């Protein structure tokens, strides 16, 4: 396609169908991809812009994922790293749906507990489960609290 969109002085190819995640906290785009299980080794076509100018945030990241619409659970997990993110669903080059992210109350199987003695870090078939609090992520098995740098604990 010869159509081009200009975003903050960058030429970015539009996607026919898929998802655009906008207003990601600057520097978190690759962690958002990790949350979504996108490693770059699959056939998904991606566009990533990092640290671009934003009137709302100063700097932001943007991710475009062609031919994939995110599930609500995935959208909510993005909120852990990018509470200001906006999700745009694209069909036939047009935005058909815009939505914000909501921080979930409980997250399962996405974050590794930093406590080496936690049952979720043993060979037991137990999925990590965290309660999302204002002060951080609270492990429901061992009471460990992750206060910051959540991205480094994503599985």
N, C-alpha and C. Protein backbone atom coordinates (compact mmCIF):
# COMPACT_ATOMS: atom_id res chain seq x y z
N UNK A 1 0.84 -1.17 0.00
CA UNK A 1 0.00 0.00 0.00
C UNK A 1 0.89 1.24 0.00
N UNK A 2 0.43 2.24 -0.66
CA UNK A 2 1.23 3.45 -0.74
C UNK A 2 0.82 4.50 0.29
N UNK A 3 -0.26 4.23 1.04
CA UNK A 3 -0.69 5.19 2.06
C UNK A 3 0.30 5.23 3.20
N UNK A 4 0.55 6.42 3.71
CA UNK A 4 1.44 6.60 4.86
C UNK A 4 0.77 7.53 5.85
N UNK A 5 0.98 7.25 7.13
CA UNK A 5 0.52 8.14 8.18
C UNK A 5 1.74 8.81 8.77
N UNK A 6 1.60 10.06 9.15
CA UNK A 6 2.70 10.74 9.78
C UNK A 6 2.38 10.89 11.25
N UNK A 7 3.27 10.39 12.10
CA UNK A 7 3.10 10.50 13.54
C UNK A 7 4.34 11.17 14.11
N UNK A 8 4.18 12.41 14.50
CA UNK A 8 5.28 13.14 15.13
C UNK A 8 6.52 13.18 14.25
N UNK A 9 6.34 13.41 12.94
CA UNK A 9 7.48 13.53 12.04
C UNK A 9 8.00 12.20 11.54
N UNK A 10 7.43 11.09 11.98
CA UNK A 10 7.86 9.78 11.53
C UNK A 10 6.90 9.26 10.47
N UNK A 11 7.43 8.60 9.45
CA UNK A 11 6.56 7.93 8.51
C UNK A 11 6.28 6.53 9.03
N UNK A 12 5.03 6.25 9.24
CA UNK A 12 4.63 4.95 9.77
C UNK A 12 3.58 4.37 8.85
N UNK A 13 3.82 3.17 8.36
CA UNK A 13 2.85 2.54 7.47
C UNK A 13 1.59 2.18 8.23
N UNK A 14 0.44 2.44 7.63
CA UNK A 14 -0.81 2.06 8.28
C UNK A 14 -0.98 0.54 8.22
N UNK A 15 -1.80 0.02 9.12
CA UNK A 15 -2.11 -1.40 9.05
C UNK A 15 -3.55 -1.55 8.60
N UNK A 16 -3.80 -2.59 7.85
CA UNK A 16 -5.15 -2.83 7.33
C UNK A 16 -6.08 -3.30 8.44
N UNK A 17 -5.61 -4.29 9.20
CA UNK A 17 -6.38 -4.85 10.31
C UNK A 17 -5.42 -5.13 11.45
N UNK A 18 -5.88 -4.92 12.66
CA UNK A 18 -5.03 -5.22 13.82
C UNK A 18 -5.27 -4.27 14.96
N UNK A 19 -4.21 -4.06 15.74
CA UNK A 19 -4.30 -3.24 16.95
C UNK A 19 -3.16 -2.24 17.00
N UNK A 20 -3.49 -1.02 17.38
CA UNK A 20 -2.48 -0.01 17.66
C UNK A 20 -2.57 0.30 19.15
N UNK A 21 -1.45 0.16 19.84
CA UNK A 21 -1.39 0.52 21.26
C UNK A 21 -0.64 1.84 21.33
N UNK A 22 -1.33 2.88 21.72
CA UNK A 22 -0.78 4.22 21.74
C UNK A 22 -0.66 4.69 23.19
N UNK A 23 0.14 5.69 23.41
CA UNK A 23 0.35 6.29 24.74
C UNK A 23 0.92 5.29 25.74
N UNK A 24 1.80 4.43 25.25
CA UNK A 24 2.53 3.53 26.14
C UNK A 24 3.59 4.37 26.86
N UNK A 25 3.77 4.13 28.13
CA UNK A 25 4.81 4.82 28.89
C UNK A 25 6.14 4.67 28.14
N UNK A 26 6.85 5.79 27.96
CA UNK A 26 8.11 5.78 27.20
C UNK A 26 9.06 4.71 27.73
N UNK A 27 9.61 3.93 26.82
CA UNK A 27 10.57 2.89 27.17
C UNK A 27 9.95 1.55 27.51
N UNK A 28 8.62 1.43 27.47
CA UNK A 28 7.95 0.19 27.88
C UNK A 28 7.42 -0.64 26.72
N UNK A 29 7.61 -0.22 25.48
CA UNK A 29 7.04 -0.95 24.33
C UNK A 29 7.49 -2.41 24.28
N UNK A 30 8.76 -2.66 24.50
CA UNK A 30 9.25 -4.04 24.43
C UNK A 30 8.69 -4.88 25.57
N UNK A 31 8.48 -4.29 26.73
CA UNK A 31 7.86 -5.01 27.84
C UNK A 31 6.39 -5.29 27.55
N UNK A 32 5.71 -4.38 26.87
CA UNK A 32 4.33 -4.63 26.46
C UNK A 32 4.29 -5.83 25.52
N UNK A 33 5.23 -5.90 24.59
CA UNK A 33 5.29 -7.05 23.68
C UNK A 33 5.53 -8.34 24.46
N UNK A 34 6.37 -8.27 25.48
CA UNK A 34 6.62 -9.45 26.31
C UNK A 34 5.35 -9.92 27.01
N UNK A 35 4.58 -8.97 27.56
CA UNK A 35 3.31 -9.32 28.19
C UNK A 35 2.39 -10.04 27.20
N UNK A 36 2.43 -9.61 25.95
CA UNK A 36 1.56 -10.19 24.92
C UNK A 36 2.13 -11.48 24.34
N UNK A 37 3.33 -11.85 24.78
CA UNK A 37 3.94 -13.07 24.27
C UNK A 37 4.49 -12.93 22.87
N UNK A 38 4.76 -11.71 22.45
CA UNK A 38 5.30 -11.46 21.11
C UNK A 38 6.81 -11.35 21.22
N UNK A 39 7.51 -12.26 20.55
CA UNK A 39 8.96 -12.31 20.66
C UNK A 39 9.66 -11.87 19.38
N UNK A 40 8.90 -11.69 18.32
CA UNK A 40 9.52 -11.33 17.04
C UNK A 40 9.83 -12.55 16.20
N UNK A 41 9.71 -13.73 16.79
CA UNK A 41 10.01 -14.95 16.03
C UNK A 41 8.76 -15.52 15.37
N UNK A 42 7.62 -14.92 15.62
CA UNK A 42 6.38 -15.38 14.99
C UNK A 42 6.16 -14.63 13.69
N UNK A 43 5.09 -14.89 13.04
CA UNK A 43 4.79 -14.25 11.76
C UNK A 43 4.06 -12.93 11.90
N UNK A 44 3.93 -12.43 13.13
CA UNK A 44 3.22 -11.18 13.33
C UNK A 44 4.05 -10.01 12.81
N UNK A 45 3.40 -9.14 12.06
CA UNK A 45 4.05 -7.94 11.53
C UNK A 45 3.87 -6.82 12.56
N UNK A 46 4.98 -6.25 13.01
CA UNK A 46 4.97 -5.24 14.06
C UNK A 46 5.59 -3.93 13.59
N UNK A 47 5.11 -2.85 14.15
CA UNK A 47 5.78 -1.55 14.05
C UNK A 47 5.92 -1.04 15.47
N UNK A 48 7.12 -0.59 15.82
CA UNK A 48 7.36 -0.09 17.17
C UNK A 48 8.04 1.27 17.06
N UNK A 49 7.49 2.24 17.75
CA UNK A 49 8.12 3.56 17.84
C UNK A 49 8.35 3.84 19.32
N UNK A 50 9.56 4.20 19.66
CA UNK A 50 9.86 4.46 21.07
C UNK A 50 10.30 5.90 21.26
N UNK A 51 9.94 6.41 22.42
CA UNK A 51 10.33 7.76 22.85
C UNK A 51 9.98 8.85 21.83
N UNK A 52 8.76 8.75 21.27
CA UNK A 52 8.30 9.79 20.36
C UNK A 52 7.61 10.87 21.17
N UNK A 53 7.57 12.07 20.62
CA UNK A 53 6.97 13.19 21.33
C UNK A 53 5.47 12.99 21.52
N UNK A 54 4.99 13.43 22.68
CA UNK A 54 3.57 13.34 23.00
C UNK A 54 3.18 14.58 23.78
N UNK A 55 2.09 15.21 23.36
CA UNK A 55 1.61 16.38 24.10
C UNK A 55 1.13 15.97 25.49
N UNK A 56 0.49 14.79 25.60
CA UNK A 56 -0.05 14.33 26.88
C UNK A 56 1.02 13.82 27.82
N UNK A 57 1.99 13.06 27.31
CA UNK A 57 2.95 12.37 28.17
C UNK A 57 4.37 12.92 28.10
N UNK A 58 4.64 13.83 27.18
CA UNK A 58 6.01 14.29 26.96
C UNK A 58 6.69 13.37 25.96
N UNK A 59 6.87 12.10 26.34
CA UNK A 59 7.40 11.06 25.46
C UNK A 59 6.52 9.83 25.61
N UNK A 60 6.42 9.05 24.55
CA UNK A 60 5.60 7.84 24.59
C UNK A 60 6.15 6.82 23.61
N UNK A 61 5.64 5.58 23.73
CA UNK A 61 5.92 4.52 22.78
C UNK A 61 4.61 4.17 22.09
N UNK A 62 4.73 3.60 20.89
CA UNK A 62 3.57 3.14 20.12
C UNK A 62 3.90 1.76 19.55
N UNK A 63 2.93 0.86 19.58
CA UNK A 63 3.10 -0.47 19.00
C UNK A 63 1.92 -0.73 18.07
N UNK A 64 2.22 -1.19 16.85
CA UNK A 64 1.18 -1.63 15.91
C UNK A 64 1.38 -3.12 15.67
N UNK A 65 0.29 -3.86 15.81
CA UNK A 65 0.33 -5.31 15.59
C UNK A 65 -0.68 -5.63 14.51
N UNK A 66 -0.16 -6.09 13.38
CA UNK A 66 -1.03 -6.38 12.26
C UNK A 66 -1.73 -7.72 12.44
N UNK A 67 -3.00 -7.77 12.03
CA UNK A 67 -3.81 -8.99 12.02
C UNK A 67 -3.99 -9.63 13.39
N UNK A 68 -4.03 -8.80 14.43
CA UNK A 68 -4.30 -9.32 15.77
C UNK A 68 -5.07 -8.28 16.57
N UNK A 69 -6.19 -8.72 17.13
CA UNK A 69 -6.95 -7.87 18.05
C UNK A 69 -6.75 -8.43 19.44
N UNK A 70 -6.44 -7.56 20.38
CA UNK A 70 -6.12 -7.98 21.74
C UNK A 70 -7.38 -8.37 22.51
N UNK A 71 -7.23 -9.39 23.34
CA UNK A 71 -8.30 -9.79 24.26
C UNK A 71 -8.29 -8.84 25.46
N UNK A 72 -9.42 -8.73 26.14
CA UNK A 72 -9.56 -7.84 27.30
C UNK A 72 -8.49 -8.14 28.35
N UNK A 73 -8.19 -9.42 28.59
CA UNK A 73 -7.18 -9.79 29.59
C UNK A 73 -5.81 -9.22 29.21
N UNK A 74 -5.49 -9.25 27.92
CA UNK A 74 -4.21 -8.71 27.46
C UNK A 74 -4.18 -7.19 27.62
N UNK A 75 -5.28 -6.55 27.28
CA UNK A 75 -5.37 -5.10 27.41
C UNK A 75 -5.17 -4.69 28.87
N UNK A 76 -5.82 -5.41 29.78
CA UNK A 76 -5.72 -5.07 31.19
C UNK A 76 -4.30 -5.26 31.72
N UNK A 77 -3.58 -6.25 31.23
CA UNK A 77 -2.20 -6.45 31.67
C UNK A 77 -1.29 -5.31 31.21
N UNK A 78 -1.58 -4.76 30.05
CA UNK A 78 -0.79 -3.63 29.56
C UNK A 78 -0.87 -2.47 30.54
N UNK A 79 -1.99 -2.35 31.23
CA UNK A 79 -2.19 -1.27 32.19
C UNK A 79 -1.17 -1.29 33.32
N UNK A 80 -0.60 -2.46 33.63
CA UNK A 80 0.41 -2.54 34.68
C UNK A 80 1.63 -1.69 34.34
N UNK A 81 1.99 -1.64 33.05
CA UNK A 81 3.18 -0.90 32.61
C UNK A 81 2.84 0.44 31.97
N UNK A 82 1.63 0.55 31.48
CA UNK A 82 1.24 1.76 30.75
C UNK A 82 -0.20 2.13 31.08
N UNK A 83 -0.43 2.70 32.27
CA UNK A 83 -1.80 3.00 32.68
C UNK A 83 -2.50 4.06 31.82
N UNK A 84 -1.74 4.79 31.01
CA UNK A 84 -2.33 5.81 30.12
C UNK A 84 -2.59 5.28 28.72
N UNK A 85 -2.26 4.02 28.46
CA UNK A 85 -2.34 3.46 27.11
C UNK A 85 -3.75 3.53 26.54
N UNK A 86 -3.80 3.68 25.22
CA UNK A 86 -5.06 3.66 24.46
C UNK A 86 -4.94 2.54 23.43
N UNK A 87 -5.99 1.75 23.32
CA UNK A 87 -6.02 0.64 22.38
C UNK A 87 -6.95 1.01 21.24
N UNK A 88 -6.42 0.95 20.02
CA UNK A 88 -7.22 1.24 18.83
C UNK A 88 -7.32 -0.02 17.99
N UNK A 89 -8.54 -0.46 17.72
CA UNK A 89 -8.77 -1.62 16.86
C UNK A 89 -8.96 -1.10 15.44
N UNK A 90 -8.19 -1.65 14.51
CA UNK A 90 -8.18 -1.20 13.13
C UNK A 90 -8.80 -2.27 12.23
N UNK A 91 -9.71 -1.86 11.38
CA UNK A 91 -10.27 -2.75 10.36
C UNK A 91 -10.36 -1.95 9.05
N UNK A 92 -9.82 -2.54 8.00
CA UNK A 92 -9.80 -1.89 6.68
C UNK A 92 -9.25 -0.46 6.78
N UNK A 93 -8.13 -0.32 7.48
CA UNK A 93 -7.38 0.93 7.64
C UNK A 93 -8.07 1.98 8.51
N UNK A 94 -9.24 1.68 9.06
CA UNK A 94 -9.92 2.66 9.89
C UNK A 94 -10.04 2.21 11.33
N UNK A 95 -10.07 3.17 12.23
CA UNK A 95 -10.25 2.87 13.66
C UNK A 95 -11.73 2.58 13.88
N UNK A 96 -12.03 1.36 14.35
CA UNK A 96 -13.42 0.99 14.60
C UNK A 96 -13.75 0.97 16.08
N UNK A 97 -12.72 0.96 16.90
CA UNK A 97 -12.95 0.95 18.35
C UNK A 97 -11.73 1.55 19.05
N UNK A 98 -11.99 2.40 20.03
CA UNK A 98 -10.94 2.97 20.88
C UNK A 98 -11.30 2.65 22.32
N UNK A 99 -10.30 2.21 23.07
CA UNK A 99 -10.57 1.95 24.48
C UNK A 99 -9.33 2.19 25.31
N UNK A 100 -9.57 2.53 26.55
CA UNK A 100 -8.48 2.69 27.50
C UNK A 100 -8.18 1.35 28.16
N UNK A 101 -7.21 1.34 29.02
CA UNK A 101 -6.85 0.14 29.75
C UNK A 101 -7.34 0.27 31.19
N UNK A 102 -7.61 -0.87 31.81
CA UNK A 102 -8.02 -0.89 33.22
C UNK A 102 -7.07 -1.81 33.96
N UNK A 103 -6.57 -1.34 35.07
CA UNK A 103 -5.67 -2.17 35.87
C UNK A 103 -6.51 -3.27 36.51
N UNK A 104 -6.14 -4.54 36.28
CA UNK A 104 -6.93 -5.64 36.86
C UNK A 104 -6.73 -5.71 38.38
N UNK A 105 -7.64 -6.37 39.07
CA UNK A 105 -7.54 -6.54 40.51
C UNK A 105 -6.61 -7.70 40.86
N UNK A 106 -6.61 -8.73 40.02
CA UNK A 106 -5.79 -9.92 40.23
C UNK A 106 -5.17 -10.31 38.90
N UNK A 107 -3.87 -10.68 38.92
CA UNK A 107 -3.22 -11.18 37.70
C UNK A 107 -2.65 -12.56 37.98
N UNK A 108 -2.79 -13.44 37.01
CA UNK A 108 -2.33 -14.82 37.17
C UNK A 108 -1.38 -15.20 36.05
N UNK A 109 -0.28 -15.84 36.43
CA UNK A 109 0.62 -16.44 35.47
C UNK A 109 1.41 -15.49 34.59
N UNK A 110 1.49 -14.23 34.97
CA UNK A 110 2.17 -13.24 34.14
C UNK A 110 3.43 -12.70 34.81
N UNK A 111 3.40 -12.66 36.13
CA UNK A 111 4.51 -12.10 36.90
C UNK A 111 5.11 -13.21 37.76
N UNK A 112 6.44 -13.25 37.79
CA UNK A 112 7.15 -14.23 38.61
C UNK A 112 7.40 -13.61 39.99
N UNK A 113 7.10 -14.35 41.02
CA UNK A 113 7.34 -13.88 42.38
C UNK A 113 8.84 -13.85 42.64
N UNK A 114 9.36 -12.74 43.17
CA UNK A 114 10.80 -12.64 43.43
C UNK A 114 11.26 -13.46 44.64
N UNK A 115 10.32 -13.96 45.43
CA UNK A 115 10.68 -14.75 46.61
C UNK A 115 11.06 -16.17 46.16
N UNK A 116 12.33 -16.56 46.30
CA UNK A 116 12.74 -17.89 45.84
C UNK A 116 12.04 -19.01 46.61
N UNK A 117 11.54 -18.73 47.81
CA UNK A 117 10.85 -19.74 48.59
C UNK A 117 9.36 -19.85 48.29
N UNK A 118 8.84 -19.00 47.42
CA UNK A 118 7.42 -19.03 47.08
C UNK A 118 7.09 -20.33 46.36
N UNK A 119 5.95 -20.90 46.66
CA UNK A 119 5.54 -22.16 46.04
C UNK A 119 5.44 -22.06 44.52
N UNK A 120 5.22 -20.84 44.01
CA UNK A 120 5.12 -20.67 42.56
C UNK A 120 6.48 -20.79 41.88
N UNK A 121 7.56 -20.77 42.65
CA UNK A 121 8.91 -20.90 42.09
C UNK A 121 9.48 -22.31 42.27
N UNK A 122 8.65 -23.23 42.67
CA UNK A 122 9.08 -24.62 42.80
C UNK A 122 8.53 -25.41 41.62
N UNK A 123 8.71 -26.68 41.63
CA UNK A 123 8.20 -27.51 40.53
C UNK A 123 6.73 -27.87 40.71
N UNK A 124 6.08 -27.27 41.67
CA UNK A 124 4.65 -27.52 41.89
C UNK A 124 3.84 -26.89 40.76
N UNK A 125 2.73 -27.50 40.39
CA UNK A 125 1.88 -26.94 39.33
C UNK A 125 0.99 -25.81 39.85
N UNK A 126 1.62 -24.74 40.33
CA UNK A 126 0.90 -23.61 40.91
C UNK A 126 1.23 -22.36 40.09
N UNK A 127 0.20 -21.68 39.64
CA UNK A 127 0.37 -20.48 38.83
C UNK A 127 0.50 -19.26 39.74
N UNK A 128 1.45 -18.39 39.44
CA UNK A 128 1.61 -17.18 40.26
C UNK A 128 0.33 -16.36 40.21
N UNK A 129 -0.03 -15.81 41.36
CA UNK A 129 -1.25 -15.01 41.46
C UNK A 129 -0.95 -13.80 42.34
N UNK A 130 -1.18 -12.62 41.79
CA UNK A 130 -0.91 -11.38 42.49
C UNK A 130 -2.15 -10.52 42.56
N UNK A 131 -2.34 -9.91 43.72
CA UNK A 131 -3.36 -8.90 43.91
C UNK A 131 -2.73 -7.56 43.57
N UNK A 132 -3.41 -6.75 42.78
CA UNK A 132 -2.88 -5.45 42.38
C UNK A 132 -3.36 -4.41 43.39
N UNK A 133 -2.39 -3.81 44.08
CA UNK A 133 -2.68 -2.78 45.09
C UNK A 133 -2.08 -1.46 44.65
N UNK A 134 -2.47 -0.38 45.28
CA UNK A 134 -1.88 0.92 44.99
C UNK A 134 -0.38 0.92 45.24
N UNK A 135 0.07 0.18 46.25
CA UNK A 135 1.48 0.18 46.62
C UNK A 135 2.31 -0.86 45.89
N UNK A 136 1.68 -1.70 45.05
CA UNK A 136 2.43 -2.69 44.28
C UNK A 136 1.64 -3.96 44.05
N UNK A 137 2.35 -5.04 43.70
CA UNK A 137 1.75 -6.33 43.45
C UNK A 137 2.00 -7.24 44.66
N UNK A 138 0.94 -7.81 45.21
CA UNK A 138 1.01 -8.62 46.42
C UNK A 138 0.80 -10.09 46.04
N UNK A 139 1.83 -10.93 46.29
CA UNK A 139 1.72 -12.36 46.00
C UNK A 139 0.72 -12.98 46.98
N UNK A 140 -0.27 -13.67 46.43
CA UNK A 140 -1.30 -14.27 47.27
C UNK A 140 -0.84 -15.57 47.92
N UNK A 141 0.33 -16.08 47.56
CA UNK A 141 0.85 -17.30 48.17
C UNK A 141 1.83 -17.03 49.30
N UNK A 142 2.73 -16.07 49.12
CA UNK A 142 3.77 -15.86 50.14
C UNK A 142 3.77 -14.47 50.75
N UNK A 143 2.85 -13.61 50.33
CA UNK A 143 2.72 -12.23 50.84
C UNK A 143 3.85 -11.29 50.40
N UNK A 144 4.69 -11.70 49.47
CA UNK A 144 5.75 -10.83 48.95
C UNK A 144 5.10 -9.64 48.24
N UNK A 145 5.72 -8.47 48.32
CA UNK A 145 5.20 -7.28 47.67
C UNK A 145 6.22 -6.75 46.68
N UNK A 146 5.83 -6.66 45.42
CA UNK A 146 6.67 -6.05 44.39
C UNK A 146 6.24 -4.59 44.31
N UNK A 147 7.15 -3.69 44.72
CA UNK A 147 6.79 -2.27 44.79
C UNK A 147 7.10 -1.51 43.51
N UNK A 148 8.14 -1.92 42.79
CA UNK A 148 8.49 -1.21 41.57
C UNK A 148 9.19 -2.17 40.61
N UNK A 149 9.50 -1.67 39.43
CA UNK A 149 10.19 -2.44 38.40
C UNK A 149 9.45 -3.72 38.05
N UNK A 150 8.16 -3.60 37.89
CA UNK A 150 7.31 -4.75 37.58
C UNK A 150 7.77 -5.43 36.29
N UNK A 151 8.23 -4.64 35.33
CA UNK A 151 8.64 -5.20 34.04
C UNK A 151 9.69 -6.30 34.18
N UNK A 152 10.57 -6.18 35.16
CA UNK A 152 11.62 -7.20 35.33
C UNK A 152 11.10 -8.49 35.94
N UNK A 153 9.86 -8.51 36.36
CA UNK A 153 9.28 -9.72 36.96
C UNK A 153 8.28 -10.40 36.02
N UNK A 154 8.08 -9.84 34.83
CA UNK A 154 7.16 -10.44 33.88
C UNK A 154 7.78 -11.72 33.33
N UNK A 155 6.96 -12.74 33.29
CA UNK A 155 7.43 -14.06 32.80
C UNK A 155 7.57 -14.02 31.31
